[in-house]
Amino acid sequence: MQQRKAGRPSGTDGSDFSYRMVVDSRYTKVAKGKSRLKALIFIQGIFQLIELLYVVLPISKGKDPNILAVSSSVIGLISLLIGELGRRRSRAGFLRFYLAVSTITVLLSIFCAVSSSSTLETG
């Protein structure tokens, strides 16, 4: 039996290291996009928690809860979880669902904020 020599593989002179170390640009784009998405999901999570505080405070004072605001908060938190799963596992379907549901959640939150501020001005 022949034994292999230790050292560099046959057929290379050691000068092809730069070729082997290059990462394709599409993989770097994906990595940058995932890190950007991670930051955006984190920021949206902070806003969802702030919104949840604004929903819980009137309830703790004995006022009736705004059903639309409560459902918007709950749906938003669920969409954040699905978005994070889609980001980690690179699932396009999860990310599309996250995009659609979080858009609806943001629109509902804006509607609730505008309607509550208009009732505060008249009340």
PDB file of N, CA and C in Angstrom:
ATOM      1  N   MET A   1       0.833  -1.189   0.000  1.00  0.00           N
ATOM      2  CA  MET A   1       0.000   0.000   0.000  1.00  0.00           C
ATOM      3  C   MET A   1       0.868   1.239   0.000  1.00  0.00           C
ATOM      4  N   GLN A   2       0.377   2.222  -0.693  1.00  0.00           N
ATOM      5  CA  GLN A   2       1.106   3.486  -0.721  1.00  0.00           C
ATOM      6  C   GLN A   2       0.606   4.382   0.396  1.00  0.00           C
ATOM      7  N   GLN A   3       1.509   5.076   0.981  1.00  0.00           N
ATOM      8  CA  GLN A   3       1.125   6.028   2.018  1.00  0.00           C
ATOM      9  C   GLN A   3       1.200   7.426   1.432  1.00  0.00           C
ATOM     10  N   ARG A   4       0.276   8.267   1.872  1.00  0.00           N
ATOM     11  CA  ARG A   4       0.247   9.650   1.384  1.00  0.00           C
ATOM     12  C   ARG A   4       1.257  10.468   2.149  1.00  0.00           C
ATOM     13  N   LYS A   5       1.821  11.408   1.447  1.00  0.00           N
ATOM     14  CA  LYS A   5       2.755  12.329   2.087  1.00  0.00           C
ATOM     15  C   LYS A   5       1.967  13.417   2.813  1.00  0.00           C
ATOM     16  N   ALA A   6       2.494  13.821   3.911  1.00  0.00           N
ATOM     17  CA  ALA A   6       1.870  14.920   4.638  1.00  0.00           C
ATOM     18  C   ALA A   6       2.193  16.225   3.927  1.00  0.00           C
ATOM     19  N   GLY A   7       1.361  17.228   4.107  1.00  0.00           N
ATOM     20  CA  GLY A   7       1.615  18.524   3.492  1.00  0.00           C
ATOM     21  C   GLY A   7       0.488  18.917   2.569  1.00  0.00           C
ATOM     22  N   ARG A   8       0.831  19.682   1.564  1.00  0.00           N
ATOM     23  CA  ARG A   8      -0.224  20.182   0.686  1.00  0.00           C
ATOM     24  C   ARG A   8      -0.658  19.096  -0.296  1.00  0.00           C
ATOM     25  N   PRO A   9      -1.896  19.191  -0.784  1.00  0.00           N
ATOM     26  CA  PRO A   9      -2.408  18.181  -1.698  1.00  0.00           C
ATOM     27  C   PRO A   9      -1.648  18.196  -3.022  1.00  0.00           C
ATOM     28  N   SER A  10      -1.668  17.061  -3.691  1.00  0.00           N
ATOM     29  CA  SER A  10      -0.946  16.982  -4.963  1.00  0.00           C
ATOM     30  C   SER A  10      -1.649  17.829  -6.016  1.00  0.00           C
ATOM     31  N   GLY A  11      -0.889  18.382  -6.926  1.00  0.00           N
ATOM     32  CA  GLY A  11      -1.450  19.187  -7.996  1.00  0.00           C
ATOM     33  C   GLY A  11      -1.542  20.657  -7.670  1.00  0.00           C
ATOM     34  N   THR A  12      -1.165  21.066  -6.486  1.00  0.00           N
ATOM     35  CA  THR A  12      -1.183  22.491  -6.146  1.00  0.00           C
ATOM     36  C   THR A  12       0.211  22.907  -5.723  1.00  0.00           C
ATOM     37  N   ASP A  13       0.501  24.142  -6.001  1.00  0.00           N
ATOM     38  CA  ASP A  13       1.800  24.655  -5.576  1.00  0.00           C
ATOM     39  C   ASP A  13       1.664  25.613  -4.398  1.00  0.00           C
ATOM     40  N   GLY A  14       0.439  25.707  -3.860  1.00  0.00           N
ATOM     41  CA  GLY A  14       0.223  26.581  -2.722  1.00  0.00           C
ATOM     42  C   GLY A  14      -0.175  27.993  -3.095  1.00  0.00           C
ATOM     43  N   SER A  15      -0.197  28.307  -4.386  1.00  0.00           N
ATOM     44  CA  SER A  15      -0.526  29.677  -4.787  1.00  0.00           C
ATOM     45  C   SER A  15      -2.010  29.858  -5.076  1.00  0.00           C
ATOM     46  N   ASP A  16      -2.803  28.818  -4.968  1.00  0.00           N
ATOM     47  CA  ASP A  16      -4.230  28.937  -5.270  1.00  0.00           C
ATOM     48  C   ASP A  16      -5.076  29.200  -4.027  1.00  0.00           C
ATOM     49  N   PHE A  17      -4.452  29.622  -2.936  1.00  0.00           N
ATOM     50  CA  PHE A  17      -5.204  29.858  -1.703  1.00  0.00           C
ATOM     51  C   PHE A  17      -6.213  30.981  -1.855  1.00  0.00           C
ATOM     52  N   SER A  18      -5.895  32.007  -2.644  1.00  0.00           N
ATOM     53  CA  SER A  18      -6.823  33.135  -2.775  1.00  0.00           C
ATOM     54  C   SER A  18      -8.087  32.719  -3.507  1.00  0.00           C
ATOM     55  N   TYR A  19      -7.973  31.797  -4.432  1.00  0.00           N
ATOM     56  CA  TYR A  19      -9.153  31.314  -5.139  1.00  0.00           C
ATOM     57  C   TYR A  19     -10.054  30.513  -4.204  1.00  0.00           C
ATOM     58  N   ARG A  20      -9.458  29.711  -3.372  1.00  0.00           N
ATOM     59  CA  ARG A  20     -10.249  28.866  -2.484  1.00  0.00           C
ATOM     60  C   ARG A  20     -10.898  29.652  -1.354  1.00  0.00           C
ATOM     61  N   MET A  21     -10.385  30.809  -1.025  1.00  0.00           N
ATOM     62  CA  MET A  21     -10.921  31.576   0.094  1.00  0.00           C
ATOM     63  C   MET A  21     -12.013  32.561  -0.316  1.00  0.00           C
ATOM     64  N   VAL A  22     -12.294  32.705  -1.585  1.00  0.00           N
ATOM     65  CA  VAL A  22     -13.278  33.676  -2.050  1.00  0.00           C
ATOM     66  C   VAL A  22     -14.683  33.122  -1.816  1.00  0.00           C
ATOM     67  N   VAL A  23     -15.531  33.934  -1.211  1.00  0.00           N
ATOM     68  CA  VAL A  23     -16.926  33.574  -0.998  1.00  0.00           C
ATOM     69  C   VAL A  23     -17.732  34.250  -2.092  1.00  0.00           C
ATOM     70  N   ASP A  24     -18.638  33.503  -2.690  1.00  0.00           N
ATOM     71  CA  ASP A  24     -19.449  34.036  -3.771  1.00  0.00           C
ATOM     72  C   ASP A  24     -20.276  35.219  -3.268  1.00  0.00           C
ATOM     73  N   SER A  25     -20.489  36.199  -4.130  1.00  0.00           N
ATOM     74  CA  SER A  25     -21.155  37.437  -3.709  1.00  0.00           C
ATOM     75  C   SER A  25     -22.597  37.201  -3.280  1.00  0.00           C
ATOM     76  N   ARG A  26     -23.250  36.203  -3.853  1.00  0.00           N
ATOM     77  CA  ARG A  26     -24.651  35.977  -3.464  1.00  0.00           C
ATOM     78  C   ARG A  26     -24.757  35.520  -2.007  1.00  0.00           C
ATOM     79  N   TYR A  27     -23.761  34.797  -1.526  1.00  0.00           N
ATOM     80  CA  TYR A  27     -23.788  34.361  -0.130  1.00  0.00           C
ATOM     81  C   TYR A  27     -23.535  35.533   0.822  1.00  0.00           C
ATOM     82  N   THR A  28     -22.677  36.451   0.411  1.00  0.00           N
ATOM     83  CA  THR A  28     -22.458  37.629   1.260  1.00  0.00           C
ATOM     84  C   THR A  28     -23.689  38.524   1.260  1.00  0.00           C
ATOM     85  N   LYS A  29     -24.403  38.600   0.118  1.00  0.00           N
ATOM     86  CA  LYS A  29     -25.645  39.377   0.075  1.00  0.00           C
ATOM     87  C   LYS A  29     -26.684  38.781   1.017  1.00  0.00           C
ATOM     88  N   VAL A  30     -26.792  37.469   1.006  1.00  0.00           N
ATOM     89  CA  VAL A  30     -27.760  36.803   1.884  1.00  0.00           C
ATOM     90  C   VAL A  30     -27.407  37.045   3.346  1.00  0.00           C
ATOM     91  N   ALA A  31     -26.135  36.949   3.679  1.00  0.00           N
ATOM     92  CA  ALA A  31     -25.714  37.161   5.069  1.00  0.00           C
ATOM     93  C   ALA A  31     -25.977  38.594   5.514  1.00  0.00           C
ATOM     94  N   LYS A  32     -25.692  39.560   4.646  1.00  0.00           N
ATOM     95  CA  LYS A  32     -25.959  40.963   4.994  1.00  0.00           C
ATOM     96  C   LYS A  32     -27.457  41.210   5.134  1.00  0.00           C
ATOM     97  N   GLY A  33     -28.243  40.628   4.232  1.00  0.00           N
ATOM     98  CA  GLY A  33     -29.690  40.794   4.308  1.00  0.00           C
ATOM     99  C   GLY A  33     -30.278  40.190   5.570  1.00  0.00           C
ATOM    100  N   LYS A  34     -29.775  39.019   5.959  1.00  0.00           N
ATOM    101  CA  LYS A  34     -30.268  38.384   7.179  1.00  0.00           C
ATOM    102  C   LYS A  34     -29.900  39.185   8.418  1.00  0.00           C
ATOM    103  N   SER A  35     -28.711  39.770   8.433  1.00  0.00           N
ATOM    104  CA  SER A  35     -28.336  40.574   9.604  1.00  0.00           C
ATOM    105  C   SER A  35     -29.147  41.864   9.655  1.00  0.00           C
ATOM    106  N   ARG A  36     -29.442  42.447   8.496  1.00  0.00           N
ATOM    107  CA  ARG A  36     -30.286  43.643   8.449  1.00  0.00           C
ATOM    108  C   ARG A  36     -31.702  43.308   8.904  1.00  0.00           C
ATOM    109  N   LEU A  37     -32.218  42.166   8.448  1.00  0.00           N
ATOM    110  CA  LEU A  37     -33.555  41.739   8.847  1.00  0.00           C
ATOM    111  C   LEU A  37     -33.623  41.461  10.346  1.00  0.00           C
ATOM    112  N   LYS A  38     -32.557  40.922  10.901  1.00  0.00           N
ATOM    113  CA  LYS A  38     -32.511  40.668  12.344  1.00  0.00           C
ATOM    114  C   LYS A  38     -32.641  41.971  13.121  1.00  0.00           C
ATOM    115  N   ALA A  39     -31.936  43.008  12.680  1.00  0.00           N
ATOM    116  CA  ALA A  39     -32.018  44.308  13.353  1.00  0.00           C
ATOM    117  C   ALA A  39     -33.417  44.902  13.219  1.00  0.00           C
ATOM    118  N   LEU A  40     -34.021  44.779  12.039  1.00  0.00           N
ATOM    119  CA  LEU A  40     -35.360  45.333  11.838  1.00  0.00           C
ATOM    120  C   LEU A  40     -36.411  44.588  12.661  1.00  0.00           C
ATOM    121  N   ILE A  41     -36.284  43.281  12.758  1.00  0.00           N
ATOM    122  CA  ILE A  41     -37.220  42.509  13.579  1.00  0.00           C
ATOM    123  C   ILE A  41     -37.070  42.895  15.049  1.00  0.00           C
ATOM    124  N   PHE A  42     -35.841  43.123  15.488  1.00  0.00           N
ATOM    125  CA  PHE A  42     -35.608  43.546  16.871  1.00  0.00           C
ATOM    126  C   PHE A  42     -36.253  44.907  17.137  1.00  0.00           C
ATOM    127  N   ILE A  43     -36.080  45.853  16.227  1.00  0.00           N
ATOM    128  CA  ILE A  43     -36.669  47.189  16.393  1.00  0.00           C
ATOM    129  C   ILE A  43     -38.190  47.101  16.382  1.00  0.00           C
ATOM    130  N   GLN A  44     -38.747  46.294  15.478  1.00  0.00           N
ATOM    131  CA  GLN A  44     -40.192  46.141  15.440  1.00  0.00           C
ATOM    132  C   GLN A  44     -40.696  45.487  16.724  1.00  0.00           C
ATOM    133  N   GLY A  45     -39.925  44.585  17.287  1.00  0.00           N
ATOM    134  CA  GLY A  45     -40.300  43.966  18.558  1.00  0.00           C
ATOM    135  C   GLY A  45     -40.363  44.975  19.687  1.00  0.00           C
ATOM    136  N   ILE A  46     -39.424  45.913  19.701  1.00  0.00           N
ATOM    137  CA  ILE A  46     -39.447  46.974  20.716  1.00  0.00           C
ATOM    138  C   ILE A  46     -40.707  47.819  20.562  1.00  0.00           C
ATOM    139  N   PHE A  47     -41.043  48.186  19.321  1.00  0.00           N
ATOM    140  CA  PHE A  47     -42.257  48.969  19.093  1.00  0.00           C
ATOM    141  C   PHE A  47     -43.507  48.182  19.484  1.00  0.00           C
ATOM    142  N   GLN A  48     -43.515  46.877  19.230  1.00  0.00           N
ATOM    143  CA  GLN A  48     -44.663  46.058  19.618  1.00  0.00           C
ATOM    144  C   GLN A  48     -44.815  46.009  21.136  1.00  0.00           C
ATOM    145  N   LEU A  49     -43.706  45.941  21.856  1.00  0.00           N
ATOM    146  CA  LEU A  49     -43.784  45.943  23.325  1.00  0.00           C
ATOM    147  C   LEU A  49     -44.279  47.285  23.853  1.00  0.00           C
ATOM    148  N   ILE A  50     -43.848  48.381  23.233  1.00  0.00           N
ATOM    149  CA  ILE A  50     -44.341  49.705  23.631  1.00  0.00           C
ATOM    150  C   ILE A  50     -45.840  49.800  23.371  1.00  0.00           C
ATOM    151  N   GLU A  51     -46.276  49.287  22.219  1.00  0.00           N
ATOM    152  CA  GLU A  51     -47.700  49.303  21.907  1.00  0.00           C
ATOM    153  C   GLU A  51     -48.479  48.456  22.908  1.00  0.00           C
ATOM    154  N   LEU A  52     -47.911  47.338  23.291  1.00  0.00           N
ATOM    155  CA  LEU A  52     -48.567  46.476  24.268  1.00  0.00           C
ATOM    156  C   LEU A  52     -48.704  47.178  25.619  1.00  0.00           C
ATOM    157  N   LEU A  53     -47.702  47.981  25.990  1.00  0.00           N
ATOM    158  CA  LEU A  53     -47.805  48.763  27.227  1.00  0.00           C
ATOM    159  C   LEU A  53     -48.949  49.770  27.149  1.00  0.00           C
ATOM    160  N   TYR A  54     -49.090  50.433  25.999  1.00  0.00           N
ATOM    161  CA  TYR A  54     -50.179  51.387  25.837  1.00  0.00           C
ATOM    162  C   TYR A  54     -51.545  50.704  25.839  1.00  0.00           C
ATOM    163  N   VAL A  55     -51.588  49.451  25.474  1.00  0.00           N
ATOM    164  CA  VAL A  55     -52.844  48.709  25.512  1.00  0.00           C
ATOM    165  C   VAL A  55     -53.157  48.259  26.938  1.00  0.00           C
ATOM    166  N   VAL A  56     -52.126  47.847  27.685  1.00  0.00           N
ATOM    167  CA  VAL A  56     -52.334  47.292  29.026  1.00  0.00           C
ATOM    168  C   VAL A  56     -52.605  48.385  30.063  1.00  0.00           C
ATOM    169  N   LEU A  57     -52.008  49.565  29.907  1.00  0.00           N
ATOM    170  CA  LEU A  57     -52.192  50.631  30.902  1.00  0.00           C
ATOM    171  C   LEU A  57     -53.653  51.028  31.103  1.00  0.00           C
ATOM    172  N   PRO A  58     -54.438  51.283  30.055  1.00  0.00           N
ATOM    173  CA  PRO A  58     -55.856  51.603  30.307  1.00  0.00           C
ATOM    174  C   PRO A  58     -56.629  50.442  30.925  1.00  0.00           C
ATOM    175  N   ILE A  59     -56.242  49.216  30.589  1.00  0.00           N
ATOM    176  CA  ILE A  59     -56.922  48.057  31.174  1.00  0.00           C
ATOM    177  C   ILE A  59     -56.644  47.991  32.673  1.00  0.00           C
ATOM    178  N   SER A  60     -55.411  48.317  33.080  1.00  0.00           N
ATOM    179  CA  SER A  60     -55.070  48.276  34.507  1.00  0.00           C
ATOM    180  C   SER A  60     -55.774  49.377  35.296  1.00  0.00           C
ATOM    181  N   LYS A  61     -56.183  50.451  34.617  1.00  0.00           N
ATOM    182  CA  LYS A  61     -56.916  51.529  35.288  1.00  0.00           C
ATOM    183  C   LYS A  61     -58.416  51.268  35.330  1.00  0.00           C
ATOM    184  N   GLY A  62     -58.852  50.130  34.786  1.00  0.00           N
ATOM    185  CA  GLY A  62     -60.256  49.769  34.852  1.00  0.00           C
ATOM    186  C   GLY A  62     -61.060  50.167  33.635  1.00  0.00           C
ATOM    187  N   LYS A  63     -60.435  50.687  32.615  1.00  0.00           N
ATOM    188  CA  LYS A  63     -61.158  51.057  31.400  1.00  0.00           C
ATOM    189  C   LYS A  63     -61.330  49.833  30.514  1.00  0.00           C
ATOM    190  N   ASP A  64     -62.299  49.922  29.626  1.00  0.00           N
ATOM    191  CA  ASP A  64     -62.529  48.830  28.681  1.00  0.00           C
ATOM    192  C   ASP A  64     -61.382  48.764  27.677  1.00  0.00           C
ATOM    193  N   PRO A  65     -60.938  47.562  27.353  1.00  0.00           N
ATOM    194  CA  PRO A  65     -59.828  47.446  26.391  1.00  0.00           C
ATOM    195  C   PRO A  65     -60.293  47.724  24.967  1.00  0.00           C
ATOM    196  N   ASN A  66     -59.418  48.298  24.190  1.00  0.00           N
ATOM    197  CA  ASN A  66     -59.676  48.496  22.772  1.00  0.00           C
ATOM    198  C   ASN A  66     -59.363  47.172  22.079  1.00  0.00           C
ATOM    199  N   ILE A  67     -60.415  46.498  21.633  1.00  0.00           N
ATOM    200  CA  ILE A  67     -60.264  45.155  21.068  1.00  0.00           C
ATOM    201  C   ILE A  67     -59.350  45.179  19.846  1.00  0.00           C
ATOM    202  N   LEU A  68     -59.458  46.217  19.042  1.00  0.00           N
ATOM    203  CA  LEU A  68     -58.632  46.317  17.841  1.00  0.00           C
ATOM    204  C   LEU A  68     -57.157  46.478  18.201  1.00  0.00           C
ATOM    205  N   ALA A  69     -56.873  47.259  19.223  1.00  0.00           N
ATOM    206  CA  ALA A  69     -55.481  47.455  19.645  1.00  0.00           C
ATOM    207  C   ALA A  69     -54.903  46.188  20.265  1.00  0.00           C
ATOM    208  N   VAL A  70     -55.704  45.484  21.041  1.00  0.00           N
ATOM    209  CA  VAL A  70     -55.239  44.235  21.652  1.00  0.00           C
ATOM    210  C   VAL A  70     -54.953  43.196  20.574  1.00  0.00           C
ATOM    211  N   SER A  71     -55.876  43.058  19.624  1.00  0.00           N
ATOM    212  CA  SER A  71     -55.661  42.071  18.563  1.00  0.00           C
ATOM    213  C   SER A  71     -54.478  42.456  17.686  1.00  0.00           C
ATOM    214  N   SER A  72     -54.283  43.749  17.460  1.00  0.00           N
ATOM    215  CA  SER A  72     -53.131  44.203  16.682  1.00  0.00           C
ATOM    216  C   SER A  72     -51.824  43.852  17.378  1.00  0.00           C
ATOM    217  N   SER A  73     -51.780  44.020  18.688  1.00  0.00           N
ATOM    218  CA  SER A  73     -50.566  43.688  19.443  1.00  0.00           C
ATOM    219  C   SER A  73     -50.271  42.196  19.419  1.00  0.00           C
ATOM    220  N   VAL A  74     -51.297  41.403  19.631  1.00  0.00           N
ATOM    221  CA  VAL A  74     -51.103  39.949  19.664  1.00  0.00           C
ATOM    222  C   VAL A  74     -50.692  39.427  18.289  1.00  0.00           C
ATOM    223  N   ILE A  75     -51.374  39.887  17.252  1.00  0.00           N
ATOM    224  CA  ILE A  75     -51.033  39.451  15.895  1.00  0.00           C
ATOM    225  C   ILE A  75     -49.629  39.919  15.526  1.00  0.00           C
ATOM    226  N   GLY A  76     -49.256  41.112  15.959  1.00  0.00           N
ATOM    227  CA  GLY A  76     -47.913  41.618  15.676  1.00  0.00           C
ATOM    228  C   GLY A  76     -46.829  40.791  16.327  1.00  0.00           C
ATOM    229  N   LEU A  77     -47.050  40.384  17.574  1.00  0.00           N
ATOM    230  CA  LEU A  77     -46.055  39.546  18.257  1.00  0.00           C
ATOM    231  C   LEU A  77     -45.943  38.164  17.615  1.00  0.00           C
ATOM    232  N   ILE A  78     -47.080  37.614  17.183  1.00  0.00           N
ATOM    233  CA  ILE A  78     -47.045  36.321  16.493  1.00  0.00           C
ATOM    234  C   ILE A  78     -46.310  36.446  15.162  1.00  0.00           C
ATOM    235  N   SER A  79     -46.565  37.542  14.442  1.00  0.00           N
ATOM    236  CA  SER A  79     -45.872  37.716  13.159  1.00  0.00           C
ATOM    237  C   SER A  79     -44.373  37.902  13.358  1.00  0.00           C
ATOM    238  N   LEU A  80     -43.971  38.528  14.463  1.00  0.00           N
ATOM    239  CA  LEU A  80     -42.539  38.657  14.750  1.00  0.00           C
ATOM    240  C   LEU A  80     -41.893  37.293  14.981  1.00  0.00           C
ATOM    241  N   LEU A  81     -42.588  36.421  15.689  1.00  0.00           N
ATOM    242  CA  LEU A  81     -42.056  35.073  15.908  1.00  0.00           C
ATOM    243  C   LEU A  81     -41.915  34.314  14.587  1.00  0.00           C
ATOM    244  N   ILE A  82     -42.913  34.431  13.728  1.00  0.00           N
ATOM    245  CA  ILE A  82     -42.852  33.754  12.433  1.00  0.00           C
ATOM    246  C   ILE A  82     -41.762  34.366  11.561  1.00  0.00           C
ATOM    247  N   GLY A  83     -41.607  35.684  11.624  1.00  0.00           N
ATOM    248  CA  GLY A  83     -40.537  36.334  10.873  1.00  0.00           C
ATOM    249  C   GLY A  83     -39.162  35.896  11.336  1.00  0.00           C
ATOM    250  N   GLU A  84     -38.998  35.730  12.634  1.00  0.00           N
ATOM    251  CA  GLU A  84     -37.709  35.275  13.159  1.00  0.00           C
ATOM    252  C   GLU A  84     -37.430  33.830  12.750  1.00  0.00           C
ATOM    253  N   LEU A  85     -38.453  32.992  12.764  1.00  0.00           N
ATOM    254  CA  LEU A  85     -38.273  31.617  12.283  1.00  0.00           C
ATOM    255  C   LEU A  85     -37.907  31.602  10.800  1.00  0.00           C
ATOM    256  N   GLY A  86     -38.565  32.439  10.016  1.00  0.00           N
ATOM    257  CA  GLY A  86     -38.249  32.519   8.591  1.00  0.00           C
ATOM    258  C   GLY A  86     -36.851  33.031   8.335  1.00  0.00           C
ATOM    259  N   ARG A  87     -36.387  33.957   9.160  1.00  0.00           N
ATOM    260  CA  ARG A  87     -35.032  34.487   8.993  1.00  0.00           C
ATOM    261  C   ARG A  87     -33.993  33.436   9.348  1.00  0.00           C
ATOM    262  N   ARG A  88     -34.206  32.744  10.445  1.00  0.00           N
ATOM    263  CA  ARG A  88     -33.215  31.746  10.886  1.00  0.00           C
ATOM    264  C   ARG A  88     -33.113  30.566   9.934  1.00  0.00           C
ATOM    265  N   ARG A  89     -34.259  30.123   9.430  1.00  0.00           N
ATOM    266  CA  ARG A  89     -34.267  28.920   8.590  1.00  0.00           C
ATOM    267  C   ARG A  89     -34.295  29.235   7.102  1.00  0.00           C
ATOM    268  N   SER A  90     -34.267  30.510   6.751  1.00  0.00           N
ATOM    269  CA  SER A  90     -34.319  30.956   5.351  1.00  0.00           C
ATOM    270  C   SER A  90     -35.545  30.397   4.629  1.00  0.00           C
ATOM    271  N   ARG A  91     -36.693  30.533   5.258  1.00  0.00           N
ATOM    272  CA  ARG A  91     -37.951  30.070   4.675  1.00  0.00           C
ATOM    273  C   ARG A  91     -38.668  31.250   4.038  1.00  0.00           C
ATOM    274  N   ALA A  92     -38.773  31.231   2.725  1.00  0.00           N
ATOM    275  CA  ALA A  92     -39.388  32.345   2.003  1.00  0.00           C
ATOM    276  C   ALA A  92     -40.874  32.469   2.326  1.00  0.00           C
ATOM    277  N   GLY A  93     -41.555  31.351   2.510  1.00  0.00           N
ATOM    278  CA  GLY A  93     -42.982  31.388   2.829  1.00  0.00           C
ATOM    279  C   GLY A  93     -43.252  32.064   4.164  1.00  0.00           C
ATOM    280  N   PHE A  94     -42.439  31.749   5.160  1.00  0.00           N
ATOM    281  CA  PHE A  94     -42.582  32.392   6.464  1.00  0.00           C
ATOM    282  C   PHE A  94     -42.321  33.887   6.361  1.00  0.00           C
ATOM    283  N   LEU A  95     -41.317  34.254   5.575  1.00  0.00           N
ATOM    284  CA  LEU A  95     -40.975  35.673   5.451  1.00  0.00           C
ATOM    285  C   LEU A  95     -42.059  36.443   4.704  1.00  0.00           C
ATOM    286  N   ARG A  96     -42.685  35.812   3.698  1.00  0.00           N
ATOM    287  CA  ARG A  96     -43.807  36.468   3.005  1.00  0.00           C
ATOM    288  C   ARG A  96     -44.992  36.662   3.952  1.00  0.00           C
ATOM    289  N   PHE A  97     -45.281  35.635   4.747  1.00  0.00           N
ATOM    290  CA  PHE A  97     -46.360  35.734   5.727  1.00  0.00           C
ATOM    291  C   PHE A  97     -46.068  36.836   6.737  1.00  0.00           C
ATOM    292  N   TYR A  98     -44.825  36.884   7.198  1.00  0.00           N
ATOM    293  CA  TYR A  98     -44.407  37.926   8.140  1.00  0.00           C
ATOM    294  C   TYR A  98     -44.592  39.309   7.527  1.00  0.00           C
ATOM    295  N   LEU A  99     -44.213  39.465   6.270  1.00  0.00           N
ATOM    296  CA  LEU A  99     -44.340  40.752   5.592  1.00  0.00           C
ATOM    297  C   LEU A  99     -45.797  41.187   5.514  1.00  0.00           C
ATOM    298  N   ALA A 100     -46.670  40.277   5.095  1.00  0.00           N
ATOM    299  CA  ALA A 100     -48.083  40.624   4.952  1.00  0.00           C
ATOM    300  C   ALA A 100     -48.728  40.931   6.302  1.00  0.00           C
ATOM    301  N   VAL A 101     -48.504  40.078   7.281  1.00  0.00           N
ATOM    302  CA  VAL A 101     -49.165  40.243   8.578  1.00  0.00           C
ATOM    303  C   VAL A 101     -48.609  41.445   9.333  1.00  0.00           C
ATOM    304  N   SER A 102     -47.306  41.681   9.248  1.00  0.00           N
ATOM    305  CA  SER A 102     -46.764  42.839   9.963  1.00  0.00           C
ATOM    306  C   SER A 102     -47.202  44.143   9.302  1.00  0.00           C
ATOM    307  N   THR A 103     -47.409  44.137   7.991  1.00  0.00           N
ATOM    308  CA  THR A 103     -47.953  45.331   7.330  1.00  0.00           C
ATOM    309  C   THR A 103     -49.363  45.617   7.823  1.00  0.00           C
ATOM    310  N   ILE A 104     -50.186  44.585   7.907  1.00  0.00           N
ATOM    311  CA  ILE A 104     -51.551  44.751   8.423  1.00  0.00           C
ATOM    312  C   ILE A 104     -51.514  45.225   9.873  1.00  0.00           C
ATOM    313  N   THR A 105     -50.608  44.679  10.655  1.00  0.00           N
ATOM    314  CA  THR A 105     -50.479  45.060  12.062  1.00  0.00           C
ATOM    315  C   THR A 105     -50.086  46.522  12.209  1.00  0.00           C
ATOM    316  N   VAL A 106     -49.145  46.974  11.409  1.00  0.00           N
ATOM    317  CA  VAL A 106     -48.718  48.377  11.481  1.00  0.00           C
ATOM    318  C   VAL A 106     -49.866  49.297  11.084  1.00  0.00           C
ATOM    319  N   LEU A 107     -50.608  48.932  10.040  1.00  0.00           N
ATOM    320  CA  LEU A 107     -51.750  49.758   9.633  1.00  0.00           C
ATOM    321  C   LEU A 107     -52.819  49.797  10.728  1.00  0.00           C
ATOM    322  N   LEU A 108     -53.086  48.663  11.361  1.00  0.00           N
ATOM    323  CA  LEU A 108     -54.046  48.648  12.474  1.00  0.00           C
ATOM    324  C   LEU A 108     -53.556  49.487  13.649  1.00  0.00           C
ATOM    325  N   SER A 109     -52.271  49.426  13.928  1.00  0.00           N
ATOM    326  CA  SER A 109     -51.709  50.217  15.030  1.00  0.00           C
ATOM    327  C   SER A 109     -51.828  51.707  14.751  1.00  0.00           C
ATOM    328  N   ILE A 110     -51.547  52.100  13.519  1.00  0.00           N
ATOM    329  CA  ILE A 110     -51.676  53.515  13.148  1.00  0.00           C
ATOM    330  C   ILE A 110     -53.129  53.951  13.261  1.00  0.00           C
ATOM    331  N   PHE A 111     -54.056  53.105  12.794  1.00  0.00           N
ATOM    332  CA  PHE A 111     -55.474  53.433  12.891  1.00  0.00           C
ATOM    333  C   PHE A 111     -55.903  53.581  14.345  1.00  0.00           C
ATOM    334  N   CYS A 112     -55.450  52.678  15.204  1.00  0.00           N
ATOM    335  CA  CYS A 112     -55.798  52.761  16.633  1.00  0.00           C
ATOM    336  C   CYS A 112     -55.216  54.018  17.275  1.00  0.00           C
ATOM    337  N   ALA A 113     -53.985  54.364  16.913  1.00  0.00           N
ATOM    338  CA  ALA A 113     -53.351  55.558  17.485  1.00  0.00           C
ATOM    339  C   ALA A 113     -54.070  56.821  17.043  1.00  0.00           C
ATOM    340  N   VAL A 114     -54.441  56.889  15.771  1.00  0.00           N
ATOM    341  CA  VAL A 114     -55.141  58.077  15.265  1.00  0.00           C
ATOM    342  C   VAL A 114     -56.524  58.181  15.884  1.00  0.00           C
ATOM    343  N   SER A 115     -57.235  57.063  15.983  1.00  0.00           N
ATOM    344  CA  SER A 115     -58.585  57.121  16.551  1.00  0.00           C
ATOM    345  C   SER A 115     -58.551  57.424  18.048  1.00  0.00           C
ATOM    346  N   SER A 116     -57.554  56.927  18.767  1.00  0.00           N
ATOM    347  CA  SER A 116     -57.490  57.219  20.202  1.00  0.00           C
ATOM    348  C   SER A 116     -57.053  58.656  20.453  1.00  0.00           C
ATOM    349  N   SER A 117     -56.194  59.208  19.598  1.00  0.00           N
ATOM    350  CA  SER A 117     -55.789  60.602  19.794  1.00  0.00           C
ATOM    351  C   SER A 117     -56.925  61.551  19.445  1.00  0.00           C
ATOM    352  N   SER A 118     -57.766  61.185  18.471  1.00  0.00           N
ATOM    353  CA  SER A 118     -58.894  62.052  18.149  1.00  0.00           C
ATOM    354  C   SER A 118     -59.944  61.994  19.251  1.00  0.00           C
ATOM    355  N   THR A 119     -60.103  60.857  19.922  1.00  0.00           N
ATOM    356  CA  THR A 119     -61.055  60.795  21.028  1.00  0.00           C
ATOM    357  C   THR A 119     -60.505  61.502  22.257  1.00  0.00           C
ATOM    358  N   LEU A 120     -59.181  61.539  22.412  1.00  0.00           N
ATOM    359  CA  LEU A 120     -58.599  62.271  23.534  1.00  0.00           C
ATOM    360  C   LEU A 120     -58.797  63.771  23.370  1.00  0.00           C
ATOM    361  N   GLU A 121     -58.728  64.265  22.129  1.00  0.00           N
ATOM    362  CA  GLU A 121     -58.908  65.697  21.893  1.00  0.00           C
ATOM    363  C   GLU A 121     -60.339  66.124  22.148  1.00  0.00           C
ATOM    364  N   THR A 122     -61.320  65.295  21.796  1.00  0.00           N
ATOM    365  CA  THR A 122     -62.716  65.675  21.973  1.00  0.00           C
ATOM    366  C   THR A 122     -63.204  65.379  23.387  1.00  0.00           C
ATOM    367  N   GLY A 123     -62.519  64.480  24.085  1.00  0.00           N
ATOM    368  CA  GLY A 123     -62.973  64.057  25.411  1.00  0.00           C
ATOM    369  C   GLY A 123     -62.403  64.828  26.480  1.00  0.00           C
TER     370      GLY A 123
END
